[in-house]
Amino acid sequence: MKVEYIQPFYRATKDVFQIMMDLEVNRGDLRLAKDLIPSREANVIIGATGDLSGSILYSFPKDMTLTMVKIMSGMELTEMDGFVLSALGEVANIISGNAMTYLNSENYRCDISPPHVMFGTSQSLSMATDVALVIPMLTSIGEFEINVALRETKG
């Protein structure tokens, strides 16, 4: 796992949160995780293929998720229903797509799979790497994590 994979995800997250929600995002201290286990209630996993292969896990607290979707939709939301989870999946999908565009500018050709959205923290996910790099993201409406588990496949 190379740290240079991280900047595209951070940059894409900052862009998406600024454009879609008018929210500033700052990065916390990076850390390694040996397992890909969701740390919050609302989770989106997106696969990556191509020059980089693996998974990206976005893990959001329930309250933050509801606030994010309220900001984007203008609707008062209290339940983690299909609409909320679909909107969350789309946010993660856009971030991942933009990150892959940034990686493309660094000569990594990658594609992403459609988002898989899960609610709950009891799942453990397999990953294509020995460790994941955890990127804590800090906003005024809450903190979430992006776990990046990518390995280079081009040689």
Protein backbone atom coordinates (compact mmCIF):
# COMPACT_ATOMS: atom_id res chain seq x y z
CA MET A 1 0.00 0.00 0.00
CA LYS A 2 1.49 3.29 -1.12
CA VAL A 3 0.64 6.55 0.60
CA GLU A 4 0.49 8.34 -2.77
CA TYR A 5 -2.83 6.57 -3.45
CA ILE A 6 -4.30 8.62 -0.61
CA GLN A 7 -4.04 12.17 -1.96
CA PRO A 8 -6.46 11.53 -4.86
CA PHE A 9 -9.11 10.27 -2.41
CA TYR A 10 -8.61 13.21 -0.07
CA ARG A 11 -8.74 15.71 -2.95
CA ALA A 12 -11.84 14.07 -4.46
CA THR A 13 -13.59 14.03 -1.06
CA LYS A 14 -12.84 17.73 -0.49
CA ASP A 15 -14.18 18.57 -3.96
CA VAL A 16 -17.39 16.53 -3.64
CA PHE A 17 -18.24 17.76 -0.15
CA GLN A 18 -17.60 21.37 -1.16
CA ILE A 19 -19.64 21.18 -4.37
CA MET A 20 -22.52 18.97 -3.18
CA MET A 21 -22.89 20.11 0.44
CA ASP A 22 -20.86 23.31 0.82
CA LEU A 23 -18.85 21.59 3.57
CA GLU A 24 -15.13 21.83 4.30
CA VAL A 25 -13.28 18.53 4.83
CA ASN A 26 -9.99 18.13 6.68
CA ARG A 27 -7.93 14.99 7.01
CA GLY A 28 -7.07 13.41 10.34
CA ASP A 29 -4.00 11.30 11.05
CA LEU A 30 -3.56 8.31 8.75
CA ARG A 31 -3.32 4.85 10.26
CA LEU A 32 -3.12 1.25 9.09
CA ALA A 33 -5.80 -1.36 9.67
CA LYS A 34 -5.23 -5.10 9.33
CA ASP A 35 -8.92 -5.80 8.72
CA LEU A 36 -11.55 -4.04 6.67
CA ILE A 37 -14.23 -3.70 9.34
CA PRO A 38 -16.78 -0.88 9.17
CA SER A 39 -16.29 1.53 12.06
CA ARG A 40 -19.59 3.39 11.66
CA GLU A 41 -23.20 2.44 10.93
CA ALA A 42 -23.54 3.50 7.26
CA ASN A 43 -20.99 1.92 4.92
CA VAL A 44 -20.26 1.89 1.22
CA ILE A 45 -17.73 -0.41 -0.41
CA ILE A 46 -16.49 0.14 -3.93
CA GLY A 47 -14.17 -2.18 -5.80
CA ALA A 48 -11.30 -1.01 -7.98
CA THR A 49 -9.80 -2.83 -10.95
CA GLY A 50 -7.03 -2.06 -13.40
CA ASP A 51 -3.55 -0.82 -12.52
CA LEU A 52 -4.73 -0.64 -8.90
CA SER A 53 -6.93 -3.41 -7.57
CA GLY A 54 -8.80 -3.73 -4.29
CA SER A 55 -11.51 -2.03 -2.27
CA ILE A 56 -12.42 1.35 -0.84
CA LEU A 57 -14.66 1.38 2.24
CA TYR A 58 -16.46 4.57 3.25
CA SER A 59 -17.78 4.43 6.81
CA PHE A 60 -20.17 7.14 8.09
CA PRO A 61 -22.03 7.66 11.37
CA LYS A 62 -25.82 7.42 11.06
CA ASP A 63 -26.46 11.02 12.19
CA MET A 64 -23.90 12.41 9.75
CA THR A 65 -25.43 10.39 6.90
CA LEU A 66 -28.90 11.75 7.63
CA THR A 67 -27.53 15.31 7.78
CA MET A 68 -25.63 14.89 4.51
CA VAL A 69 -28.70 13.66 2.67
CA LYS A 70 -30.82 16.42 4.24
CA ILE A 71 -28.35 19.03 2.94
CA MET A 72 -28.40 17.50 -0.56
CA SER A 73 -32.16 16.85 -0.79
CA GLY A 74 -33.63 19.59 1.38
CA MET A 75 -35.81 16.98 3.09
CA GLU A 76 -35.96 16.26 6.82
CA LEU A 77 -34.89 12.64 7.25
CA THR A 78 -34.96 10.50 10.38
CA GLU A 79 -34.60 6.92 9.11
CA MET A 80 -31.87 5.08 7.22
CA ASP A 81 -34.20 4.11 4.39
CA GLY A 82 -33.51 3.16 0.79
CA PHE A 83 -33.43 6.79 -0.34
CA VAL A 84 -30.80 7.73 2.24
CA LEU A 85 -28.63 4.70 1.54
CA SER A 86 -28.90 5.23 -2.22
CA ALA A 87 -27.82 8.88 -1.84
CA LEU A 88 -24.89 7.83 0.35
CA GLY A 89 -23.84 5.25 -2.22
CA GLU A 90 -23.91 7.89 -4.92
CA VAL A 91 -21.72 10.28 -2.87
CA ALA A 92 -19.13 7.51 -2.38
CA ASN A 93 -19.41 6.58 -6.06
CA ILE A 94 -18.71 10.17 -7.16
CA ILE A 95 -15.76 10.49 -4.77
CA SER A 96 -14.31 7.20 -6.02
CA GLY A 97 -14.81 8.13 -9.67
CA ASN A 98 -13.12 11.48 -9.16
CA ALA A 99 -10.26 9.82 -7.25
CA MET A 100 -9.75 7.42 -10.16
CA THR A 101 -9.63 10.42 -12.52
CA TYR A 102 -6.90 11.95 -10.35
CA LEU A 103 -5.04 8.61 -10.29
CA ASN A 104 -5.38 8.48 -14.08
CA SER A 105 -3.45 11.76 -14.27
CA GLU A 106 -0.66 9.92 -12.40
CA ASN A 107 -0.71 7.16 -15.06
CA TYR A 108 -2.83 4.65 -13.14
CA ARG A 109 -5.65 3.29 -15.31
CA CYS A 110 -8.43 2.13 -13.01
CA ASP A 111 -12.16 1.43 -13.03
CA ILE A 112 -14.59 1.15 -10.15
CA SER A 113 -17.48 -1.20 -9.47
CA PRO A 114 -20.97 -0.01 -8.50
CA PRO A 115 -21.29 0.84 -4.80
CA HIS A 116 -22.42 -1.76 -2.30
CA VAL A 117 -24.20 -0.03 0.60
CA MET A 118 -24.53 -1.66 4.02
CA PHE A 119 -26.12 -0.51 7.25
CA GLY A 120 -24.56 -1.83 10.47
CA THR A 121 -21.12 -2.50 11.91
CA SER A 122 -21.09 -6.28 12.36
CA GLN A 123 -19.72 -7.17 8.93
CA SER A 124 -16.07 -7.90 8.24
CA LEU A 125 -14.93 -7.57 4.65
CA SER A 126 -12.15 -9.31 2.81
CA MET A 127 -9.56 -7.16 1.11
CA ALA A 128 -7.01 -7.59 -1.63
CA THR A 129 -4.15 -6.25 0.47
CA ASP A 130 -2.54 -7.14 3.79
CA VAL A 131 -3.50 -3.78 5.27
CA ALA A 132 -5.80 -0.86 4.56
CA LEU A 133 -4.81 2.75 4.93
CA VAL A 134 -7.46 4.54 7.01
CA ILE A 135 -8.08 8.20 6.18
CA PRO A 136 -10.10 9.95 8.90
CA MET A 137 -12.15 12.80 7.42
CA LEU A 138 -13.33 15.65 9.61
CA THR A 139 -16.27 17.95 8.82
CA SER A 140 -18.49 20.33 10.77
CA ILE A 141 -21.31 17.73 10.71
CA GLY A 142 -19.25 14.74 11.81
CA GLU A 143 -16.27 12.50 11.17
CA PHE A 144 -16.08 9.56 8.79
CA GLU A 145 -13.40 7.23 7.47
CA ILE A 146 -12.20 6.10 4.09
CA ASN A 147 -10.33 2.78 4.18
CA VAL A 148 -8.20 2.31 1.08
CA ALA A 149 -7.05 -1.25 0.39
CA LEU A 150 -5.40 -1.11 -3.05
CA ARG A 151 -2.49 -2.98 -4.54
CA GLU A 152 -0.63 -2.20 -7.70
CA THR A 153 -1.21 -4.70 -10.48
CA LYS A 154 0.68 -3.06 -13.33
CA GLY A 155 4.24 -4.04 -13.68
